[in-house]
Amino acid sequence: MSPVPSPTSDRPSDYLAADAVVDHEHPSIRALIGTLRPAGDNPAERAKAAFLFVRDQVEHVIDAGDPRVTWRASDVLRERVGICHAKAHLLAALLRAQGIPAGFCYQELSALHGLTAVYLHGKWSRLDARGNRTGAGGEFSLDVEKLAWPVDTARGERDHPEIHPAPAPVVVDFLMTVEPGPGWYEKGLPRTL
């Protein structure tokens, strides 16, 4: 059973903020929002459109065999490639740009896996825009978690239910300093927070 997501900040504005990673005020992110909006003004439909864009239109570096490293949301959008954490940064930026609160959650699998949490219908829901290749199964759902990878506690894996307003510093530091190239993600991707 998945843990109940819980925010680490009680200030809703923290989950709407822009920063160096979640740069949702960037013109390219603002322009994309204009093209993603479904008819009407249903926040859940807008969140789903953002999720599907990130999941399906931004390649995961491992699936694509891509040597580039991205971490800032606007760079992920420009390059259309990123690891799970980078994709979570872009999804959070797309949600926040629309006034939808979003944060960051993590799973400890073979390495630290990044998720996005969204606040809609009076509750937090975790979303995994990693991409549905190589056996991953992430789907948009606000009611039942449909993450890319289930946690196997027998293998020592664990869920972190905390919803952070900013990406984990250990993740951002790694992405900002690792050298691009084949298999860069195998060169110290954090295993824990």
N, C-alpha and C. Protein backbone atom coordinates (compact mmCIF):
# COMPACT_ATOMS: atom_id res chain seq x y z
N MET A 1 0.84 -1.18 0.00
CA MET A 1 0.00 0.00 0.00
C MET A 1 0.88 1.25 0.00
N SER A 2 0.54 2.21 -0.83
CA SER A 2 1.30 3.45 -0.95
C SER A 2 1.06 4.33 0.27
N PRO A 3 2.09 5.06 0.69
CA PRO A 3 1.92 5.98 1.82
C PRO A 3 1.04 7.16 1.42
N VAL A 4 0.43 7.79 2.42
CA VAL A 4 -0.36 8.99 2.17
C VAL A 4 0.60 10.16 2.01
N PRO A 5 0.56 10.83 0.84
CA PRO A 5 1.46 11.97 0.63
C PRO A 5 1.16 13.08 1.63
N SER A 6 2.22 13.67 2.19
CA SER A 6 2.03 14.75 3.15
C SER A 6 3.02 15.88 2.88
N PRO A 7 2.51 17.11 2.80
CA PRO A 7 3.40 18.25 2.52
C PRO A 7 4.33 18.55 3.68
N THR A 8 5.54 19.00 3.35
CA THR A 8 6.50 19.38 4.39
C THR A 8 6.37 20.86 4.76
N SER A 9 5.57 21.60 4.00
CA SER A 9 5.32 23.01 4.30
C SER A 9 3.82 23.22 4.42
N ASP A 10 3.42 24.06 5.35
CA ASP A 10 1.99 24.36 5.50
C ASP A 10 1.60 25.64 4.76
N ARG A 11 2.55 26.20 4.00
CA ARG A 11 2.26 27.40 3.20
C ARG A 11 1.97 27.01 1.76
N PRO A 12 0.71 27.13 1.32
CA PRO A 12 0.37 26.77 -0.07
C PRO A 12 1.23 27.51 -1.11
N SER A 13 1.64 28.73 -0.81
CA SER A 13 2.44 29.50 -1.77
C SER A 13 3.77 28.83 -2.08
N ASP A 14 4.30 28.03 -1.15
CA ASP A 14 5.56 27.33 -1.40
C ASP A 14 5.44 26.36 -2.57
N TYR A 15 4.23 25.85 -2.81
CA TYR A 15 4.00 24.86 -3.86
C TYR A 15 3.57 25.51 -5.18
N LEU A 16 3.66 26.83 -5.22
CA LEU A 16 3.39 27.59 -6.44
C LEU A 16 4.60 28.43 -6.86
N ALA A 17 5.64 28.43 -6.06
CA ALA A 17 6.79 29.31 -6.26
C ALA A 17 7.63 28.91 -7.47
N ALA A 18 8.26 29.92 -8.06
CA ALA A 18 9.26 29.72 -9.10
C ALA A 18 10.64 29.84 -8.47
N ASP A 19 11.59 29.09 -8.98
CA ASP A 19 12.98 29.19 -8.52
C ASP A 19 13.90 28.83 -9.67
N ALA A 20 15.17 28.61 -9.40
CA ALA A 20 16.13 28.32 -10.45
C ALA A 20 15.87 27.00 -11.16
N VAL A 21 15.23 26.06 -10.49
CA VAL A 21 14.94 24.75 -11.07
C VAL A 21 13.55 24.74 -11.69
N VAL A 22 12.58 25.18 -10.94
CA VAL A 22 11.18 25.21 -11.39
C VAL A 22 10.91 26.64 -11.89
N ASP A 23 11.46 26.94 -13.04
CA ASP A 23 11.40 28.31 -13.57
C ASP A 23 10.15 28.50 -14.44
N HIS A 24 9.00 28.39 -13.79
CA HIS A 24 7.74 28.41 -14.53
C HIS A 24 7.37 29.77 -15.11
N GLU A 25 8.14 30.79 -14.80
CA GLU A 25 7.90 32.11 -15.41
C GLU A 25 8.65 32.27 -16.73
N HIS A 26 9.43 31.26 -17.12
CA HIS A 26 10.18 31.31 -18.37
C HIS A 26 9.22 31.40 -19.56
N PRO A 27 9.52 32.22 -20.55
CA PRO A 27 8.61 32.40 -21.69
C PRO A 27 8.24 31.09 -22.42
N SER A 28 9.17 30.15 -22.52
CA SER A 28 8.85 28.91 -23.23
C SER A 28 7.82 28.07 -22.47
N ILE A 29 7.89 28.11 -21.15
CA ILE A 29 6.91 27.37 -20.35
C ILE A 29 5.55 28.06 -20.45
N ARG A 30 5.55 29.37 -20.37
CA ARG A 30 4.29 30.13 -20.50
C ARG A 30 3.66 29.91 -21.88
N ALA A 31 4.48 29.86 -22.92
CA ALA A 31 3.96 29.64 -24.27
C ALA A 31 3.35 28.24 -24.40
N LEU A 32 4.02 27.25 -23.81
CA LEU A 32 3.50 25.87 -23.90
C LEU A 32 2.16 25.76 -23.19
N ILE A 33 2.01 26.42 -22.05
CA ILE A 33 0.75 26.37 -21.31
C ILE A 33 -0.41 26.78 -22.21
N GLY A 34 -0.20 27.80 -23.02
CA GLY A 34 -1.25 28.26 -23.92
C GLY A 34 -1.69 27.21 -24.92
N THR A 35 -0.79 26.32 -25.30
CA THR A 35 -1.13 25.28 -26.27
C THR A 35 -1.68 24.01 -25.62
N LEU A 36 -1.42 23.83 -24.34
CA LEU A 36 -1.86 22.61 -23.64
C LEU A 36 -3.27 22.68 -23.08
N ARG A 37 -3.80 23.87 -22.95
CA ARG A 37 -5.09 24.03 -22.27
C ARG A 37 -6.22 23.35 -23.01
N PRO A 38 -6.87 22.38 -22.35
CA PRO A 38 -8.05 21.78 -22.96
C PRO A 38 -9.23 22.76 -22.90
N ALA A 39 -10.28 22.47 -23.64
CA ALA A 39 -11.46 23.34 -23.62
C ALA A 39 -12.00 23.43 -22.19
N GLY A 40 -12.46 24.60 -21.81
CA GLY A 40 -12.97 24.79 -20.45
C GLY A 40 -11.84 25.13 -19.51
N ASP A 41 -12.18 25.21 -18.24
CA ASP A 41 -11.18 25.60 -17.25
C ASP A 41 -11.16 24.59 -16.11
N ASN A 42 -11.11 23.32 -16.44
CA ASN A 42 -11.08 22.26 -15.44
C ASN A 42 -9.64 22.01 -15.02
N PRO A 43 -9.27 22.33 -13.77
CA PRO A 43 -7.88 22.15 -13.34
C PRO A 43 -7.37 20.72 -13.49
N ALA A 44 -8.22 19.73 -13.25
CA ALA A 44 -7.78 18.33 -13.38
C ALA A 44 -7.45 18.01 -14.84
N GLU A 45 -8.23 18.53 -15.77
CA GLU A 45 -7.95 18.30 -17.20
C GLU A 45 -6.68 19.03 -17.63
N ARG A 46 -6.44 20.22 -17.07
CA ARG A 46 -5.21 20.95 -17.37
C ARG A 46 -4.00 20.20 -16.82
N ALA A 47 -4.15 19.65 -15.61
CA ALA A 47 -3.06 18.87 -15.01
C ALA A 47 -2.78 17.62 -15.84
N LYS A 48 -3.83 16.98 -16.29
CA LYS A 48 -3.66 15.77 -17.11
C LYS A 48 -2.96 16.10 -18.43
N ALA A 49 -3.32 17.21 -19.06
CA ALA A 49 -2.67 17.60 -20.31
C ALA A 49 -1.18 17.85 -20.09
N ALA A 50 -0.83 18.51 -18.99
CA ALA A 50 0.58 18.76 -18.67
C ALA A 50 1.31 17.44 -18.42
N PHE A 51 0.68 16.54 -17.66
CA PHE A 51 1.27 15.23 -17.37
C PHE A 51 1.54 14.46 -18.66
N LEU A 52 0.54 14.38 -19.53
CA LEU A 52 0.69 13.61 -20.77
C LEU A 52 1.77 14.21 -21.66
N PHE A 53 1.86 15.54 -21.68
CA PHE A 53 2.93 16.17 -22.46
C PHE A 53 4.30 15.73 -21.95
N VAL A 54 4.52 15.85 -20.65
CA VAL A 54 5.83 15.51 -20.09
C VAL A 54 6.11 14.02 -20.25
N ARG A 55 5.13 13.19 -19.96
CA ARG A 55 5.35 11.74 -20.06
C ARG A 55 5.64 11.32 -21.50
N ASP A 56 4.88 11.86 -22.46
CA ASP A 56 4.93 11.35 -23.83
C ASP A 56 5.79 12.17 -24.79
N GLN A 57 6.04 13.44 -24.50
CA GLN A 57 6.77 14.29 -25.44
C GLN A 57 8.20 14.62 -24.99
N VAL A 58 8.54 14.24 -23.78
CA VAL A 58 9.90 14.44 -23.27
C VAL A 58 10.50 13.05 -23.05
N GLU A 59 11.54 12.73 -23.80
CA GLU A 59 12.16 11.41 -23.71
C GLU A 59 12.89 11.23 -22.37
N HIS A 60 12.83 10.03 -21.84
CA HIS A 60 13.65 9.69 -20.67
C HIS A 60 15.03 9.33 -21.19
N VAL A 61 16.09 9.86 -20.58
CA VAL A 61 17.45 9.68 -21.10
C VAL A 61 17.83 8.21 -21.25
N ILE A 62 17.40 7.38 -20.33
CA ILE A 62 17.77 5.96 -20.41
C ILE A 62 17.07 5.30 -21.59
N ASP A 63 15.77 5.55 -21.74
CA ASP A 63 15.04 4.96 -22.86
C ASP A 63 15.60 5.43 -24.20
N ALA A 64 15.96 6.70 -24.27
CA ALA A 64 16.44 7.30 -25.52
C ALA A 64 17.93 7.05 -25.76
N GLY A 65 18.65 6.59 -24.74
CA GLY A 65 20.10 6.46 -24.87
C GLY A 65 20.75 7.80 -25.13
N ASP A 66 20.22 8.84 -24.50
CA ASP A 66 20.64 10.22 -24.75
C ASP A 66 21.69 10.63 -23.72
N PRO A 67 22.81 11.20 -24.15
CA PRO A 67 23.88 11.56 -23.22
C PRO A 67 23.71 12.93 -22.55
N ARG A 68 22.65 13.67 -22.89
CA ARG A 68 22.48 15.01 -22.33
C ARG A 68 21.96 14.96 -20.89
N VAL A 69 22.32 15.98 -20.13
CA VAL A 69 21.85 16.14 -18.75
C VAL A 69 21.05 17.44 -18.69
N THR A 70 19.81 17.34 -18.24
CA THR A 70 18.99 18.54 -18.03
C THR A 70 18.48 18.52 -16.60
N TRP A 71 18.22 19.70 -16.07
CA TRP A 71 17.70 19.78 -14.70
C TRP A 71 16.73 20.94 -14.52
N ARG A 72 16.96 22.07 -15.17
CA ARG A 72 16.06 23.23 -15.08
C ARG A 72 14.85 22.97 -15.98
N ALA A 73 13.65 23.27 -15.49
CA ALA A 73 12.43 22.96 -16.22
C ALA A 73 12.45 23.49 -17.65
N SER A 74 12.85 24.74 -17.85
CA SER A 74 12.86 25.31 -19.20
C SER A 74 13.87 24.61 -20.11
N ASP A 75 14.97 24.11 -19.54
CA ASP A 75 15.95 23.37 -20.34
C ASP A 75 15.41 22.00 -20.72
N VAL A 76 14.69 21.36 -19.80
CA VAL A 76 14.07 20.07 -20.11
C VAL A 76 13.08 20.25 -21.26
N LEU A 77 12.31 21.33 -21.21
CA LEU A 77 11.36 21.61 -22.28
C LEU A 77 12.08 21.86 -23.61
N ARG A 78 13.13 22.66 -23.58
CA ARG A 78 13.87 22.98 -24.81
C ARG A 78 14.51 21.73 -25.42
N GLU A 79 15.15 20.92 -24.60
CA GLU A 79 15.87 19.75 -25.09
C GLU A 79 14.96 18.54 -25.32
N ARG A 80 13.80 18.55 -24.67
CA ARG A 80 12.83 17.43 -24.75
C ARG A 80 13.43 16.10 -24.31
N VAL A 81 14.29 16.16 -23.28
CA VAL A 81 14.89 14.96 -22.72
C VAL A 81 15.23 15.22 -21.25
N GLY A 82 15.15 14.17 -20.44
CA GLY A 82 15.53 14.30 -19.04
C GLY A 82 15.35 12.99 -18.30
N ILE A 83 16.03 12.87 -17.19
CA ILE A 83 15.83 11.73 -16.31
C ILE A 83 14.56 11.98 -15.51
N CYS A 84 14.09 11.03 -14.73
CA CYS A 84 12.83 11.17 -14.00
C CYS A 84 12.76 12.47 -13.21
N HIS A 85 13.85 12.86 -12.57
CA HIS A 85 13.87 14.08 -11.77
C HIS A 85 13.65 15.31 -12.63
N ALA A 86 14.32 15.36 -13.77
CA ALA A 86 14.17 16.50 -14.68
C ALA A 86 12.74 16.57 -15.21
N LYS A 87 12.15 15.42 -15.51
CA LYS A 87 10.78 15.40 -15.99
C LYS A 87 9.83 15.87 -14.88
N ALA A 88 10.12 15.50 -13.63
CA ALA A 88 9.31 15.97 -12.50
C ALA A 88 9.42 17.48 -12.34
N HIS A 89 10.61 18.03 -12.59
CA HIS A 89 10.80 19.48 -12.50
C HIS A 89 9.94 20.19 -13.54
N LEU A 90 9.93 19.67 -14.77
CA LEU A 90 9.13 20.29 -15.82
C LEU A 90 7.64 20.16 -15.52
N LEU A 91 7.20 18.99 -15.08
CA LEU A 91 5.78 18.83 -14.77
C LEU A 91 5.35 19.80 -13.67
N ALA A 92 6.16 19.93 -12.63
CA ALA A 92 5.82 20.87 -11.55
C ALA A 92 5.74 22.30 -12.09
N ALA A 93 6.66 22.67 -12.97
CA ALA A 93 6.64 24.01 -13.55
C ALA A 93 5.38 24.24 -14.38
N LEU A 94 4.99 23.25 -15.17
CA LEU A 94 3.78 23.39 -15.99
C LEU A 94 2.53 23.50 -15.12
N LEU A 95 2.51 22.77 -14.02
CA LEU A 95 1.36 22.85 -13.11
C LEU A 95 1.35 24.19 -12.39
N ARG A 96 2.47 24.59 -11.82
CA ARG A 96 2.54 25.85 -11.08
C ARG A 96 2.25 27.05 -11.97
N ALA A 97 2.66 26.98 -13.23
CA ALA A 97 2.40 28.08 -14.16
C ALA A 97 0.90 28.28 -14.37
N GLN A 98 0.11 27.26 -14.08
CA GLN A 98 -1.34 27.33 -14.22
C GLN A 98 -2.04 27.56 -12.88
N GLY A 99 -1.25 27.82 -11.83
CA GLY A 99 -1.82 28.05 -10.51
C GLY A 99 -2.22 26.78 -9.79
N ILE A 100 -1.69 25.64 -10.22
CA ILE A 100 -1.98 24.35 -9.58
C ILE A 100 -0.80 23.99 -8.69
N PRO A 101 -1.02 23.85 -7.38
CA PRO A 101 0.09 23.52 -6.47
C PRO A 101 0.74 22.19 -6.83
N ALA A 102 2.07 22.16 -6.80
CA ALA A 102 2.82 20.95 -7.13
C ALA A 102 4.08 20.89 -6.28
N GLY A 103 4.50 19.68 -5.96
CA GLY A 103 5.71 19.46 -5.18
C GLY A 103 6.43 18.21 -5.65
N PHE A 104 7.39 17.77 -4.85
CA PHE A 104 8.27 16.67 -5.24
C PHE A 104 8.28 15.57 -4.19
N CYS A 105 8.17 14.33 -4.67
CA CYS A 105 8.24 13.14 -3.82
C CYS A 105 9.29 12.20 -4.40
N TYR A 106 9.70 11.23 -3.59
CA TYR A 106 10.76 10.33 -4.03
C TYR A 106 10.48 8.90 -3.61
N GLN A 107 11.05 7.99 -4.39
CA GLN A 107 11.08 6.57 -4.07
C GLN A 107 12.54 6.14 -4.09
N GLU A 108 12.93 5.27 -3.16
CA GLU A 108 14.26 4.67 -3.18
C GLU A 108 14.11 3.32 -3.86
N LEU A 109 14.51 3.25 -5.12
CA LEU A 109 14.50 2.00 -5.88
C LEU A 109 15.96 1.59 -6.03
N SER A 110 16.43 1.22 -7.21
CA SER A 110 17.86 0.96 -7.38
C SER A 110 18.64 2.27 -7.27
N ALA A 111 17.95 3.38 -7.52
CA ALA A 111 18.45 4.74 -7.31
C ALA A 111 17.25 5.57 -6.87
N LEU A 112 17.48 6.79 -6.48
CA LEU A 112 16.39 7.66 -6.07
C LEU A 112 15.56 8.02 -7.30
N HIS A 113 14.26 7.79 -7.22
CA HIS A 113 13.34 8.03 -8.33
C HIS A 113 12.48 9.24 -7.98
N GLY A 114 12.32 10.16 -8.94
CA GLY A 114 11.60 11.41 -8.70
C GLY A 114 10.17 11.39 -9.21
N LEU A 115 9.26 11.89 -8.38
CA LEU A 115 7.84 11.99 -8.69
C LEU A 115 7.38 13.43 -8.50
N THR A 116 6.22 13.73 -9.05
CA THR A 116 5.60 15.03 -8.84
C THR A 116 4.31 14.80 -8.06
N ALA A 117 4.03 15.65 -7.09
CA ALA A 117 2.76 15.60 -6.36
C ALA A 117 1.95 16.82 -6.77
N VAL A 118 0.65 16.63 -6.93
CA VAL A 118 -0.24 17.71 -7.34
C VAL A 118 -1.38 17.81 -6.33
N TYR A 119 -1.80 19.05 -6.04
CA TYR A 119 -2.90 19.27 -5.11
C TYR A 119 -4.14 19.67 -5.89
N LEU A 120 -5.10 18.73 -5.94
CA LEU A 120 -6.38 18.96 -6.63
C LEU A 120 -7.48 18.25 -5.86
N HIS A 121 -8.68 18.76 -5.95
CA HIS A 121 -9.85 18.16 -5.28
C HIS A 121 -9.63 18.00 -3.78
N GLY A 122 -8.90 18.94 -3.17
CA GLY A 122 -8.71 18.94 -1.73
C GLY A 122 -7.74 17.90 -1.20
N LYS A 123 -6.91 17.32 -2.09
CA LYS A 123 -5.93 16.32 -1.61
C LYS A 123 -4.73 16.28 -2.53
N TRP A 124 -3.65 15.73 -2.01
CA TRP A 124 -2.42 15.54 -2.78
C TRP A 124 -2.46 14.18 -3.47
N SER A 125 -1.98 14.15 -4.70
CA SER A 125 -1.85 12.90 -5.46
C SER A 125 -0.46 12.88 -6.09
N ARG A 126 0.18 11.72 -6.06
CA ARG A 126 1.50 11.59 -6.66
C ARG A 126 1.36 11.12 -8.11
N LEU A 127 2.15 11.75 -8.99
CA LEU A 127 2.15 11.42 -10.41
C LEU A 127 3.57 11.08 -10.84
N ASP A 128 3.69 10.16 -11.79
CA ASP A 128 4.99 9.73 -12.28
C ASP A 128 5.04 9.86 -13.79
N ALA A 129 5.65 10.93 -14.28
CA ALA A 129 5.72 11.21 -15.71
C ALA A 129 6.98 10.64 -16.35
N ARG A 130 7.57 9.64 -15.75
CA ARG A 130 8.82 9.04 -16.23
C ARG A 130 8.73 8.61 -17.69
N GLY A 131 7.62 8.04 -18.09
CA GLY A 131 7.47 7.54 -19.45
C GLY A 131 7.24 6.05 -19.44
N ASN A 132 6.36 5.58 -20.29
CA ASN A 132 5.96 4.17 -20.27
C ASN A 132 6.74 3.32 -21.26
N ARG A 133 8.04 3.29 -21.06
CA ARG A 133 8.88 2.39 -21.83
C ARG A 133 9.69 1.57 -20.86
N THR A 134 10.32 0.56 -21.33
CA THR A 134 11.15 -0.34 -20.51
C THR A 134 10.40 -0.84 -19.28
N GLY A 135 9.12 -1.15 -19.44
CA GLY A 135 8.35 -1.75 -18.35
C GLY A 135 7.72 -0.78 -17.37
N ALA A 136 7.96 0.51 -17.52
CA ALA A 136 7.36 1.49 -16.60
C ALA A 136 5.88 1.65 -16.92
N GLY A 137 5.08 1.97 -15.91
CA GLY A 137 3.64 2.05 -16.13
C GLY A 137 2.94 3.25 -15.54
N GLY A 138 3.52 4.43 -15.59
CA GLY A 138 2.90 5.61 -15.01
C GLY A 138 1.70 6.12 -15.80
N GLU A 139 0.61 6.37 -15.11
CA GLU A 139 -0.61 6.90 -15.72
C GLU A 139 -1.11 8.06 -14.87
N PHE A 140 -1.89 8.94 -15.48
CA PHE A 140 -2.49 10.05 -14.74
C PHE A 140 -3.68 9.54 -13.96
N SER A 141 -3.66 9.72 -12.65
CA SER A 141 -4.79 9.35 -11.80
C SER A 141 -4.71 10.17 -10.52
N LEU A 142 -5.84 10.76 -10.16
CA LEU A 142 -5.91 11.52 -8.91
C LEU A 142 -6.50 10.68 -7.79
N ASP A 143 -7.03 9.51 -8.13
CA ASP A 143 -7.71 8.68 -7.14
C ASP A 143 -6.89 7.48 -6.69
N VAL A 144 -6.28 6.77 -7.62
CA VAL A 144 -5.48 5.58 -7.32
C VAL A 144 -4.10 5.80 -7.92
N GLU A 145 -3.05 5.62 -7.11
CA GLU A 145 -1.70 5.83 -7.64
C GLU A 145 -1.40 4.84 -8.76
N LYS A 146 -0.86 5.38 -9.84
CA LYS A 146 -0.45 4.57 -10.98
C LYS A 146 0.96 5.01 -11.37
N LEU A 147 1.89 4.69 -10.48
CA LEU A 147 3.28 5.11 -10.66
C LEU A 147 4.01 4.15 -11.60
N ALA A 148 5.14 4.60 -12.15
CA ALA A 148 5.91 3.79 -13.09
C ALA A 148 6.43 2.51 -12.44
N TRP A 149 6.89 2.62 -11.21
CA TRP A 149 7.50 1.47 -10.55
C TRP A 149 6.89 1.25 -9.17
N PRO A 150 6.39 0.05 -8.90
CA PRO A 150 5.95 -0.25 -7.53
C PRO A 150 7.17 -0.47 -6.63
N VAL A 151 7.03 -0.08 -5.39
CA VAL A 151 8.11 -0.28 -4.42
C VAL A 151 8.06 -1.71 -3.92
N ASP A 152 9.22 -2.36 -3.88
CA ASP A 152 9.34 -3.73 -3.38
C ASP A 152 10.13 -3.66 -2.06
N THR A 153 9.40 -3.67 -0.94
CA THR A 153 10.07 -3.54 0.36
C THR A 153 10.97 -4.73 0.66
N ALA A 154 10.68 -5.89 0.07
CA ALA A 154 11.52 -7.07 0.29
C ALA A 154 12.92 -6.86 -0.29
N ARG A 155 13.04 -5.97 -1.25
CA ARG A 155 14.34 -5.66 -1.86
C ARG A 155 14.98 -4.43 -1.21
N GLY A 156 14.38 -3.93 -0.14
CA GLY A 156 14.92 -2.77 0.55
C GLY A 156 14.48 -1.45 -0.04
N GLU A 157 13.53 -1.47 -0.96
CA GLU A 157 13.04 -0.23 -1.56
C GLU A 157 12.04 0.43 -0.62
N ARG A 158 11.89 1.74 -0.78
CA ARG A 158 10.93 2.44 0.08
C ARG A 158 10.39 3.70 -0.59
N ASP A 159 9.19 4.05 -0.15
CA ASP A 159 8.54 5.27 -0.58
C ASP A 159 8.85 6.37 0.43
N HIS A 160 9.01 7.59 -0.08
CA HIS A 160 9.09 8.77 0.77
C HIS A 160 7.79 9.54 0.54
N PRO A 161 6.88 9.56 1.49
CA PRO A 161 5.58 10.21 1.27
C PRO A 161 5.63 11.74 1.38
N GLU A 162 6.74 12.28 1.84
CA GLU A 162 6.84 13.73 2.02
C GLU A 162 6.79 14.45 0.68
N ILE A 163 6.04 15.54 0.67
CA ILE A 163 5.95 16.38 -0.53
C ILE A 163 6.75 17.64 -0.25
N HIS A 164 7.84 17.78 -0.97
CA HIS A 164 8.74 18.91 -0.79
C HIS A 164 8.40 20.03 -1.77
N PRO A 165 8.44 21.27 -1.34
CA PRO A 165 8.16 22.38 -2.26
C PRO A 165 9.26 22.59 -3.30
N ALA A 166 10.48 22.16 -2.98
CA ALA A 166 11.60 22.29 -3.91
C ALA A 166 12.24 20.91 -4.11
N PRO A 167 12.86 20.69 -5.26
CA PRO A 167 13.54 19.41 -5.48
C PRO A 167 14.63 19.19 -4.45
N ALA A 168 14.90 17.93 -4.15
CA ALA A 168 15.93 17.57 -3.17
C ALA A 168 17.28 18.12 -3.60
N PRO A 169 17.98 18.83 -2.71
CA PRO A 169 19.30 19.38 -3.05
C PRO A 169 20.27 18.32 -3.56
N VAL A 170 20.24 17.11 -3.01
CA VAL A 170 21.16 16.06 -3.44
C VAL A 170 20.94 15.73 -4.91
N VAL A 171 19.70 15.80 -5.37
CA VAL A 171 19.38 15.53 -6.78
C VAL A 171 19.85 16.69 -7.65
N VAL A 172 19.51 17.91 -7.27
CA VAL A 172 19.87 19.08 -8.07
C VAL A 172 21.39 19.20 -8.15
N ASP A 173 22.09 19.02 -7.03
CA ASP A 173 23.55 19.11 -7.03
C ASP A 173 24.15 18.09 -8.00
N PHE A 174 23.64 16.87 -7.97
CA PHE A 174 24.15 15.84 -8.88
C PHE A 174 23.92 16.23 -10.34
N LEU A 175 22.68 16.63 -10.66
CA LEU A 175 22.36 16.96 -12.05
C LEU A 175 23.15 18.17 -12.55
N MET A 176 23.44 19.11 -11.67
CA MET A 176 24.17 20.32 -12.07
C MET A 176 25.66 20.06 -12.28
N THR A 177 26.20 19.00 -11.67
CA THR A 177 27.65 18.80 -11.71
C THR A 177 28.10 17.58 -12.50
N VAL A 178 27.22 16.64 -12.78
CA VAL A 178 27.63 15.43 -13.51
C VAL A 178 28.00 15.78 -14.95
N GLU A 179 29.00 15.13 -15.48
CA GLU A 179 29.43 15.34 -16.86
C GLU A 179 28.51 14.59 -17.81
N PRO A 180 27.98 15.26 -18.84
CA PRO A 180 27.17 14.57 -19.83
C PRO A 180 28.00 13.49 -20.54
N GLY A 181 27.32 12.49 -21.04
CA GLY A 181 27.97 11.41 -21.77
C GLY A 181 27.19 10.13 -21.59
N PRO A 182 27.55 9.11 -22.32
CA PRO A 182 26.84 7.84 -22.21
C PRO A 182 26.84 7.32 -20.77
N GLY A 183 25.67 6.94 -20.28
CA GLY A 183 25.55 6.35 -18.96
C GLY A 183 25.86 7.29 -17.81
N TRP A 184 25.74 8.61 -18.02
CA TRP A 184 26.07 9.58 -16.96
C TRP A 184 25.30 9.32 -15.68
N TYR A 185 24.07 8.81 -15.79
CA TYR A 185 23.22 8.56 -14.63
C TYR A 185 23.75 7.44 -13.75
N GLU A 186 24.69 6.65 -14.26
CA GLU A 186 25.28 5.57 -13.46
C GLU A 186 26.48 6.06 -12.64
N LYS A 187 26.80 7.33 -12.76
CA LYS A 187 27.98 7.90 -12.12
C LYS A 187 27.65 8.66 -10.84
N GLY A 188 26.83 8.09 -10.01
CA GLY A 188 26.56 8.70 -8.72
C GLY A 188 25.17 9.23 -8.52
N LEU A 189 24.20 8.80 -9.36
CA LEU A 189 22.81 9.22 -9.11
C LEU A 189 22.47 8.85 -7.66
N PRO A 190 21.99 9.80 -6.87
CA PRO A 190 21.73 9.51 -5.46
C PRO A 190 20.81 8.30 -5.26
N ARG A 191 21.09 7.56 -4.20
CA ARG A 191 20.28 6.39 -3.87
C ARG A 191 19.28 6.71 -2.76
N THR A 192 19.54 7.79 -2.03
CA THR A 192 18.66 8.19 -0.93
C THR A 192 18.71 9.71 -0.78
N LEU A 193 17.75 10.24 -0.03
CA LEU A 193 17.70 11.69 0.19
C LEU A 193 18.79 12.14 1.15
